PDB file of N, CA and C in Angstrom:
ATOM      1  N   MET A   1      47.585 174.080 -83.709  1.00  0.00           N
ATOM      2  CA  MET A   1      46.228 174.750 -83.804  1.00  0.00           C
ATOM      3  C   MET A   1      46.089 174.226 -82.244  1.00  0.00           C
ATOM      4  N   HIS A   2      45.542 175.134 -81.393  1.00  0.00           N
ATOM      5  CA  HIS A   2      45.117 174.493 -80.606  1.00  0.00           C
ATOM      6  C   HIS A   2      43.930 173.642 -79.897  1.00  0.00           C
ATOM      7  N   PHE A   3      43.835 173.084 -78.644  1.00  0.00           N
ATOM      8  CA  PHE A   3      42.497 172.189 -78.346  1.00  0.00           C
ATOM      9  C   PHE A   3      41.386 173.223 -78.877  1.00  0.00           C
ATOM     10  N   GLY A   4      40.475 174.221 -78.541  1.00  0.00           N
ATOM     11  CA  GLY A   4      39.761 175.619 -78.948  1.00  0.00           C
ATOM     12  C   GLY A   4      38.798 175.082 -80.584  1.00  0.00           C
ATOM     13  N   ARG A   5      40.458 175.490 -81.416  1.00  0.00           N
ATOM     14  CA  ARG A   5      40.063 175.086 -82.315  1.00  0.00           C
ATOM     15  C   ARG A   5      39.713 173.605 -83.238  1.00  0.00           C
ATOM     16  N   VAL A   6      40.261 172.920 -82.575  1.00  0.00           N
ATOM     17  CA  VAL A   6      39.954 170.982 -82.365  1.00  0.00           C
ATOM     18  C   VAL A   6      38.713 171.056 -82.132  1.00  0.00           C
ATOM     19  N   ARG A   7      37.808 171.217 -81.258  1.00  0.00           N
ATOM     20  CA  ARG A   7      37.085 171.287 -80.435  1.00  0.00           C
ATOM     21  C   ARG A   7      36.291 172.290 -81.174  1.00  0.00           C
ATOM     22  N   ASN A   8      36.157 173.125 -81.814  1.00  0.00           N
ATOM     23  CA  ASN A   8      35.083 173.569 -82.387  1.00  0.00           C
ATOM     24  C   ASN A   8      35.077 172.995 -83.905  1.00  0.00           C
ATOM     25  N   LEU A   9      36.289 172.972 -84.663  1.00  0.00           N
ATOM     26  CA  LEU A   9      36.305 172.160 -85.224  1.00  0.00           C
ATOM     27  C   LEU A   9      34.649 171.204 -86.132  1.00  0.00           C
ATOM     28  N   PHE A  10      35.249 169.980 -84.850  1.00  0.00           N
ATOM     29  CA  PHE A  10      34.622 168.750 -84.227  1.00  0.00           C
ATOM     30  C   PHE A  10      33.114 169.183 -84.230  1.00  0.00           C
ATOM     31  N   CYS A  11      32.263 170.077 -83.648  1.00  0.00           N
ATOM     32  CA  CYS A  11      31.384 171.205 -83.250  1.00  0.00           C
ATOM     33  C   CYS A  11      30.669 171.273 -84.689  1.00  0.00           C
ATOM     34  N   SER A  12      31.053 171.973 -85.408  1.00  0.00           N
ATOM     35  CA  SER A  12      30.583 172.846 -86.836  1.00  0.00           C
ATOM     36  C   SER A  12      30.703 171.378 -87.187  1.00  0.00           C
ATOM     37  N   TYR A  13      29.614 171.898 -88.793  1.00  0.00           N
ATOM     38  CA  TYR A  13      29.281 171.092 -90.127  1.00  0.00           C
ATOM     39  C   TYR A  13      30.938 171.141 -90.743  1.00  0.00           C
ATOM     40  N   PRO A  14      30.614 170.375 -91.027  1.00  0.00           N
ATOM     41  CA  PRO A  14      29.893 168.961 -91.233  1.00  0.00           C
ATOM     42  C   PRO A  14      30.020 168.198 -89.752  1.00  0.00           C
ATOM     43  N   LEU A  15      30.301 167.675 -88.817  1.00  0.00           N
ATOM     44  CA  LEU A  15      30.707 166.532 -88.103  1.00  0.00           C
ATOM     45  C   LEU A  15      29.361 166.985 -87.323  1.00  0.00           C
ATOM     46  N   VAL A  16      29.548 167.507 -87.032  1.00  0.00           N
ATOM     47  CA  VAL A  16      27.679 168.737 -85.929  1.00  0.00           C
ATOM     48  C   VAL A  16      28.257 167.522 -84.556  1.00  0.00           C
ATOM     49  N   LEU A  17      29.229 167.646 -84.153  1.00  0.00           N
ATOM     50  CA  LEU A  17      29.258 166.410 -82.539  1.00  0.00           C
ATOM     51  C   LEU A  17      28.944 167.136 -81.152  1.00  0.00           C
ATOM     52  N   SER A  18      28.488 166.932 -80.275  1.00  0.00           N
ATOM     53  CA  SER A  18      27.680 167.004 -79.490  1.00  0.00           C
ATOM     54  C   SER A  18      28.865 167.605 -78.406  1.00  0.00           C
ATOM     55  N   LYS A  19      29.165 169.313 -77.680  1.00  0.00           N
ATOM     56  CA  LYS A  19      30.462 169.602 -76.947  1.00  0.00           C
ATOM     57  C   LYS A  19      30.185 168.618 -76.185  1.00  0.00           C
ATOM     58  N   PRO A  20      30.124 167.711 -75.262  1.00  0.00           N
ATOM     59  CA  PRO A  20      30.815 166.445 -74.521  1.00  0.00           C
ATOM     60  C   PRO A  20      31.903 165.540 -75.163  1.00  0.00           C
ATOM     61  N   VAL A  21      30.993 164.985 -76.812  1.00  0.00           N
ATOM     62  CA  VAL A  21      32.137 163.973 -77.087  1.00  0.00           C
ATOM     63  C   VAL A  21      32.668 165.111 -78.611  1.00  0.00           C
ATOM     64  N   ALA A  22      32.703 166.342 -78.593  1.00  0.00           N
ATOM     65  CA  ALA A  22      33.681 167.278 -79.732  1.00  0.00           C
ATOM     66  C   ALA A  22      34.405 167.498 -78.450  1.00  0.00           C
ATOM     67  N   THR A  23      34.651 167.413 -76.968  1.00  0.00           N
ATOM     68  CA  THR A  23      35.871 167.471 -76.278  1.00  0.00           C
ATOM     69  C   THR A  23      36.482 166.268 -75.559  1.00  0.00           C
ATOM     70  N   VAL A  24      35.900 165.074 -75.881  1.00  0.00           N
ATOM     71  CA  VAL A  24      36.700 164.161 -75.910  1.00  0.00           C
ATOM     72  C   VAL A  24      37.627 163.820 -76.405  1.00  0.00           C
ATOM     73  N   LEU A  25      37.391 163.533 -77.932  1.00  0.00           N
ATOM     74  CA  LEU A  25      37.973 163.866 -79.428  1.00  0.00           C
ATOM     75  C   LEU A  25      39.552 164.952 -80.164  1.00  0.00           C
ATOM     76  N   SER A  26      38.807 165.476 -78.916  1.00  0.00           N
ATOM     77  CA  SER A  26      40.268 166.880 -79.160  1.00  0.00           C
ATOM     78  C   SER A  26      41.071 165.643 -78.010  1.00  0.00           C
ATOM     79  N   HIS A  27      40.285 165.848 -76.791  1.00  0.00           N
ATOM     80  CA  HIS A  27      42.109 165.038 -75.846  1.00  0.00           C
ATOM     81  C   HIS A  27      42.374 164.181 -76.729  1.00  0.00           C
ATOM     82  N   LEU A  28      42.364 163.167 -77.408  1.00  0.00           N
ATOM     83  CA  LEU A  28      42.590 162.278 -77.473  1.00  0.00           C
ATOM     84  C   LEU A  28      43.491 162.776 -78.680  1.00  0.00           C
ATOM     85  N   CYS A  29      42.745 163.942 -79.640  1.00  0.00           N
ATOM     86  CA  CYS A  29      44.049 164.162 -80.518  1.00  0.00           C
ATOM     87  C   CYS A  29      44.607 165.354 -80.252  1.00  0.00           C
ATOM     88  N   CYS A  30      44.505 165.949 -79.475  1.00  0.00           N
ATOM     89  CA  CYS A  30      45.425 167.003 -78.586  1.00  0.00           C
ATOM     90  C   CYS A  30      46.656 166.864 -77.523  1.00  0.00           C
ATOM     91  N   TYR A  31      47.566 167.045 -77.337  1.00  0.00           N
ATOM     92  CA  TYR A  31      48.513 166.806 -76.028  1.00  0.00           C
ATOM     93  C   TYR A  31      48.869 168.748 -75.720  1.00  0.00           C
ATOM     94  N   GLN A  32      49.106 168.218 -74.516  1.00  0.00           N
ATOM     95  CA  GLN A  32      49.463 169.555 -74.169  1.00  0.00           C
ATOM     96  C   GLN A  32      48.571 171.042 -74.570  1.00  0.00           C
ATOM     97  N   GLY A  33      47.315 170.534 -75.242  1.00  0.00           N
ATOM     98  CA  GLY A  33      46.879 171.536 -75.235  1.00  0.00           C
ATOM     99  C   GLY A  33      46.927 171.893 -76.853  1.00  0.00           C
ATOM    100  N   LYS A  34      47.462 171.153 -77.588  1.00  0.00           N
ATOM    101  CA  LYS A  34      47.695 171.494 -78.870  1.00  0.00           C
ATOM    102  C   LYS A  34      47.874 170.027 -80.010  1.00  0.00           C
ATOM    103  N   LEU A  35      47.575 169.879 -80.813  1.00  0.00           N
ATOM    104  CA  LEU A  35      47.550 169.676 -82.332  1.00  0.00           C
ATOM    105  C   LEU A  35      49.695 168.812 -81.945  1.00  0.00           C
ATOM    106  N   PRO A  36      49.403 167.625 -81.828  1.00  0.00           N
ATOM    107  CA  PRO A  36      51.327 167.713 -82.046  1.00  0.00           C
ATOM    108  C   PRO A  36      51.404 167.325 -83.394  1.00  0.00           C
ATOM    109  N   GLN A  37      52.685 167.679 -83.659  1.00  0.00           N
ATOM    110  CA  GLN A  37      53.297 167.487 -84.674  1.00  0.00           C
ATOM    111  C   GLN A  37      53.845 165.693 -84.788  1.00  0.00           C
ATOM    112  N   GLY A  38      53.435 165.241 -86.314  1.00  0.00           N
ATOM    113  CA  GLY A  38      54.023 164.198 -86.148  1.00  0.00           C
ATOM    114  C   GLY A  38      52.580 162.831 -85.851  1.00  0.00           C
ATOM    115  N   ALA A  39      52.243 163.641 -85.294  1.00  0.00           N
ATOM    116  CA  ALA A  39      50.919 162.174 -84.834  1.00  0.00           C
ATOM    117  C   ALA A  39      49.995 161.979 -85.807  1.00  0.00           C
ATOM    118  N   PRO A  40      49.325 161.284 -86.387  1.00  0.00           N
ATOM    119  CA  PRO A  40      48.531 160.671 -87.756  1.00  0.00           C
ATOM    120  C   PRO A  40      46.970 161.410 -88.072  1.00  0.00           C
ATOM    121  N   THR A  41      46.333 161.647 -86.261  1.00  0.00           N
ATOM    122  CA  THR A  41      45.407 162.469 -86.932  1.00  0.00           C
ATOM    123  C   THR A  41      45.465 164.333 -86.953  1.00  0.00           C
ATOM    124  N   SER A  42      46.914 164.504 -87.098  1.00  0.00           N
ATOM    125  CA  SER A  42      46.929 166.210 -87.358  1.00  0.00           C
ATOM    126  C   SER A  42      47.412 166.277 -88.403  1.00  0.00           C
ATOM    127  N   PRO A  43      47.042 166.334 -89.263  1.00  0.00           N
ATOM    128  CA  PRO A  43      48.336 166.322 -91.045  1.00  0.00           C
ATOM    129  C   PRO A  43      45.834 166.576 -91.380  1.00  0.00           C
ATOM    130  N   ILE A  44      45.336 164.943 -91.173  1.00  0.00           N
ATOM    131  CA  ILE A  44      43.797 166.419 -91.827  1.00  0.00           C
ATOM    132  C   ILE A  44      42.801 166.219 -90.615  1.00  0.00           C
ATOM    133  N   ILE A  45      43.000 166.400 -89.535  1.00  0.00           N
ATOM    134  CA  ILE A  45      42.383 167.632 -88.449  1.00  0.00           C
ATOM    135  C   ILE A  45      43.002 169.021 -88.693  1.00  0.00           C
ATOM    136  N   SER A  46      44.151 169.190 -90.258  1.00  0.00           N
ATOM    137  CA  SER A  46      44.453 170.546 -90.334  1.00  0.00           C
ATOM    138  C   SER A  46      43.975 171.351 -91.666  1.00  0.00           C
ATOM    139  N   ASN A  47      43.902 170.256 -92.284  1.00  0.00           N
ATOM    140  CA  ASN A  47      43.670 170.865 -93.109  1.00  0.00           C
ATOM    141  C   ASN A  47      42.045 170.372 -93.374  1.00  0.00           C
ATOM    142  N   MET A  48      40.884 170.069 -92.937  1.00  0.00           N
ATOM    143  CA  MET A  48      39.849 170.648 -92.617  1.00  0.00           C
ATOM    144  C   MET A  48      39.485 172.276 -91.848  1.00  0.00           C
ATOM    145  N   ILE A  49      40.189 172.289 -90.825  1.00  0.00           N
ATOM    146  CA  ILE A  49      40.766 173.234 -89.798  1.00  0.00           C
ATOM    147  C   ILE A  49      41.117 174.386 -91.049  1.00  0.00           C
ATOM    148  N   ALA A  50      42.604 174.536 -91.847  1.00  0.00           N
ATOM    149  CA  ALA A  50      42.263 175.234 -93.631  1.00  0.00           C
ATOM    150  C   ALA A  50      41.798 175.213 -94.513  1.00  0.00           C
ATOM    151  N   TYR A  51      39.541 174.330 -94.404  1.00  0.00           N
ATOM    152  CA  TYR A  51      39.756 173.214 -96.048  1.00  0.00           C
ATOM    153  C   TYR A  51      39.291 175.204 -96.167  1.00  0.00           C
ATOM    154  N   ARG A  52      38.822 176.287 -95.277  1.00  0.00           N
ATOM    155  CA  ARG A  52      38.247 177.557 -95.307  1.00  0.00           C
ATOM    156  C   ARG A  52      39.063 178.184 -96.342  1.00  0.00           C
ATOM    157  N   LEU A  53      40.868 179.071 -95.650  1.00  0.00           N
ATOM    158  CA  LEU A  53      41.187 179.691 -95.678  1.00  0.00           C
ATOM    159  C   LEU A  53      42.015 179.359 -97.316  1.00  0.00           C
ATOM    160  N   ASP A  54      41.527 177.187 -97.732  1.00  0.00           N
ATOM    161  CA  ASP A  54      42.572 177.143 -99.035  1.00  0.00           C
ATOM    162  C   ASP A  54      41.633 177.616 -99.898  1.00  0.00           C
ATOM    163  N   LYS A  55      40.378 177.740-100.040  1.00  0.00           N
ATOM    164  CA  LYS A  55      38.990 177.225-101.115  1.00  0.00           C
ATOM    165  C   LYS A  55      38.816 179.084-101.338  1.00  0.00           C
ATOM    166  N   GLU A  56      39.477 180.409 -99.954  1.00  0.00           N
ATOM    167  CA  GLU A  56      39.336 181.562-101.133  1.00  0.00           C
ATOM    168  C   GLU A  56      41.099 182.087-101.306  1.00  0.00           C
ATOM    169  N   ILE A  57      42.243 181.254-100.506  1.00  0.00           N
ATOM    170  CA  ILE A  57      42.801 181.542-101.601  1.00  0.00           C
ATOM    171  C   ILE A  57      42.890 180.519-102.943  1.00  0.00           C
ATOM    172  N   GLN A  58      42.268 179.987-103.679  1.00  0.00           N
ATOM    173  CA  GLN A  58      42.586 179.138-104.123  1.00  0.00           C
ATOM    174  C   GLN A  58      41.328 180.245-105.629  1.00  0.00           C
ATOM    175  N   TYR A  59      40.216 181.005-104.958  1.00  0.00           N
ATOM    176  CA  TYR A  59      39.792 181.032-105.723  1.00  0.00           C
ATOM    177  C   TYR A  59      40.608 182.876-105.925  1.00  0.00           C
ATOM    178  N   LEU A  60      41.464 183.129-105.221  1.00  0.00           N
ATOM    179  CA  LEU A  60      42.161 184.091-105.568  1.00  0.00           C
ATOM    180  C   LEU A  60      42.446 183.607-106.937  1.00  0.00           C
ATOM    181  N   ALA A  61      43.515 182.777-106.000  1.00  0.00           N
ATOM    182  CA  ALA A  61      44.680 182.641-107.355  1.00  0.00           C
ATOM    183  C   ALA A  61      44.247 182.088-108.438  1.00  0.00           C
ATOM    184  N   SER A  62      43.693 181.643-109.077  1.00  0.00           N
ATOM    185  CA  SER A  62      42.333 180.916-110.547  1.00  0.00           C
ATOM    186  C   SER A  62      42.246 181.962-111.188  1.00  0.00           C
ATOM    187  N   ASN A  63      41.989 183.004-110.194  1.00  0.00           N
ATOM    188  CA  ASN A  63      41.204 185.378-110.726  1.00  0.00           C
ATOM    189  C   ASN A  63      42.420 185.378-111.285  1.00  0.00           C
ATOM    190  N   ASN A  64      43.613 185.117-110.920  1.00  0.00           N
ATOM    191  CA  ASN A  64      45.159 185.480-111.137  1.00  0.00           C
ATOM    192  C   ASN A  64      45.679 185.060-111.943  1.00  0.00           C
ATOM    193  N   ARG A  65      45.323 184.071-112.903  1.00  0.00           N
ATOM    194  CA  ARG A  65      46.337 183.127-113.889  1.00  0.00           C
ATOM    195  C   ARG A  65      47.474 182.702-112.850  1.00  0.00           C
ATOM    196  N   CYS A  66      46.889 181.565-111.855  1.00  0.00           N
ATOM    197  CA  CYS A  66      48.162 181.165-110.381  1.00  0.00           C
ATOM    198  C   CYS A  66      47.283 180.190-110.327  1.00  0.00           C
ATOM    199  N   THR A  67      48.462 178.914-110.352  1.00  0.00           N
ATOM    200  CA  THR A  67      48.204 178.029-109.372  1.00  0.00           C
ATOM    201  C   THR A  67      48.415 177.695-108.183  1.00  0.00           C
ATOM    202  N   TYR A  68      47.956 177.207-106.798  1.00  0.00           N
ATOM    203  CA  TYR A  68      48.290 178.080-105.716  1.00  0.00           C
ATOM    204  C   TYR A  68      47.923 176.269-104.945  1.00  0.00           C
ATOM    205  N   THR A  69      48.987 175.656-104.387  1.00  0.00           N
ATOM    206  CA  THR A  69      49.543 174.498-104.033  1.00  0.00           C
ATOM    207  C   THR A  69      49.282 174.464-102.131  1.00  0.00           C
ATOM    208  N   ARG A  70      49.367 174.311-101.887  1.00  0.00           N
ATOM    209  CA  ARG A  70      49.560 173.721 -99.968  1.00  0.00           C
ATOM    210  C   ARG A  70      50.135 172.950 -99.133  1.00  0.00           C
ATOM    211  N   TYR A  71      50.882 172.038 -98.100  1.00  0.00           N
ATOM    212  CA  TYR A  71      51.539 170.943 -97.853  1.00  0.00           C
ATOM    213  C   TYR A  71      51.794 171.381 -96.027  1.00  0.00           C
ATOM    214  N   ALA A  72      51.069 171.588 -95.398  1.00  0.00           N
ATOM    215  CA  ALA A  72      50.800 171.224 -93.938  1.00  0.00           C
ATOM    216  C   ALA A  72      51.258 172.843 -94.249  1.00  0.00           C
ATOM    217  N   ASP A  73      51.998 173.783 -94.190  1.00  0.00           N
ATOM    218  CA  ASP A  73      52.446 175.451 -93.894  1.00  0.00           C
ATOM    219  C   ASP A  73      53.069 175.855 -94.718  1.00  0.00           C
ATOM    220  N   ASP A  74      54.018 175.245 -95.777  1.00  0.00           N
ATOM    221  CA  ASP A  74      53.902 175.753 -97.337  1.00  0.00           C
ATOM    222  C   ASP A  74      53.086 176.644 -98.235  1.00  0.00           C
ATOM    223  N   LEU A  75      52.503 177.328 -98.694  1.00  0.00           N
ATOM    224  CA  LEU A  75      52.399 177.511 -99.487  1.00  0.00           C
ATOM    225  C   LEU A  75      52.722 178.524-100.919  1.00  0.00           C
ATOM    226  N   THR A  76      52.018 177.703-101.855  1.00  0.00           N
ATOM    227  CA  THR A  76      53.048 177.860-103.324  1.00  0.00           C
ATOM    228  C   THR A  76      52.451 178.190-104.222  1.00  0.00           C
ATOM    229  N   PHE A  77      52.720 179.131-105.115  1.00  0.00           N
ATOM    230  CA  PHE A  77      52.046 180.104-105.591  1.00  0.00           C
ATOM    231  C   PHE A  77      52.853 180.008-107.211  1.00  0.00           C
ATOM    232  N   SER A  78      52.662 179.547-108.409  1.00  0.00           N
ATOM    233  CA  SER A  78      52.745 179.020-109.605  1.00  0.00           C
ATOM    234  C   SER A  78      52.960 180.295-110.628  1.00  0.00           C
ATOM    235  N   PHE A  79      53.108 180.486-110.781  1.00  0.00           N
ATOM    236  CA  PHE A  79      52.777 181.258-112.110  1.00  0.00           C
ATOM    237  C   PHE A  79      53.226 180.983-113.932  1.00  0.00           C
ATOM    238  N   THR A  80      52.145 181.225-114.819  1.00  0.00           N
ATOM    239  CA  THR A  80      52.833 180.749-116.081  1.00  0.00           C
ATOM    240  C   THR A  80      53.504 181.624-116.648  1.00  0.00           C
ATOM    241  N   GLN A  81      53.313 182.808-116.561  1.00  0.00           N
ATOM    242  CA  GLN A  81      53.537 184.324-117.342  1.00  0.00           C
ATOM    243  C   GLN A  81      55.254 184.733-117.351  1.00  0.00           C
ATOM    244  N   LYS A  82      55.414 185.847-117.049  1.00  0.00           N
ATOM    245  CA  LYS A  82      56.511 186.005-116.793  1.00  0.00           C
ATOM    246  C   LYS A  82      56.624 186.845-115.583  1.00  0.00           C
ATOM    247  N   GLU A  83      57.533 187.501-115.499  1.00  0.00           N
ATOM    248  CA  GLU A  83      57.181 187.807-113.961  1.00  0.00           C
ATOM    249  C   GLU A  83      56.974 190.164-113.936  1.00  0.00           C
ATOM    250  N   GLU A  84      57.097 190.408-115.149  1.00  0.00           N
ATOM    251  CA  GLU A  84      56.736 191.918-115.399  1.00  0.00           C
ATOM    252  C   GLU A  84      55.537 191.473-115.632  1.00  0.00           C
ATOM    253  N   ASN A  85      54.111 190.439-115.748  1.00  0.00           N
ATOM    254  CA  ASN A  85      53.202 190.821-116.428  1.00  0.00           C
ATOM    255  C   ASN A  85      51.841 189.845-114.654  1.00  0.00           C
ATOM    256  N   TYR A  86      53.383 189.596-113.466  1.00  0.00           N
ATOM    257  CA  TYR A  86      52.693 189.003-112.961  1.00  0.00           C
ATOM    258  C   TYR A  86      51.432 190.540-111.909  1.00  0.00           C
ATOM    259  N   PRO A  87      50.426 189.120-111.218  1.00  0.00           N
ATOM    260  CA  PRO A  87      49.673 190.267-110.958  1.00  0.00           C
ATOM    261  C   PRO A  87      49.664 191.224-109.259  1.00  0.00           C
ATOM    262  N   ASP A  88      48.862 192.433-109.686  1.00  0.00           N
ATOM    263  CA  ASP A  88      49.266 192.770-107.598  1.00  0.00           C
ATOM    264  C   ASP A  88      48.955 192.578-107.090  1.00  0.00           C
ATOM    265  N   LEU A  89      49.072 191.662-105.971  1.00  0.00           N
ATOM    266  CA  LEU A  89      48.096 190.304-105.444  1.00  0.00           C
ATOM    267  C   LEU A  89      48.490 191.729-103.651  1.00  0.00           C
TER     268      LEU A  89
END
């Protein structure tokens, strides 16, 4: 994630911070313009940014008898039916 995406997160709902405050927080959370791997703030910020993506994938998965989970950048789709019955995604 880059600085702009982090700042936009802070400016958007539900936080709705002013641009100057969002900019300061983004500078505190980013290193060299990017969200650093291993920082304590990085997982929650990346999860907040990916929330809408997760919601849409979860909806698609549940409509196709599938379980969706994500840990960082590892997406997992679990099926309980036989392979020949898998949905065409």
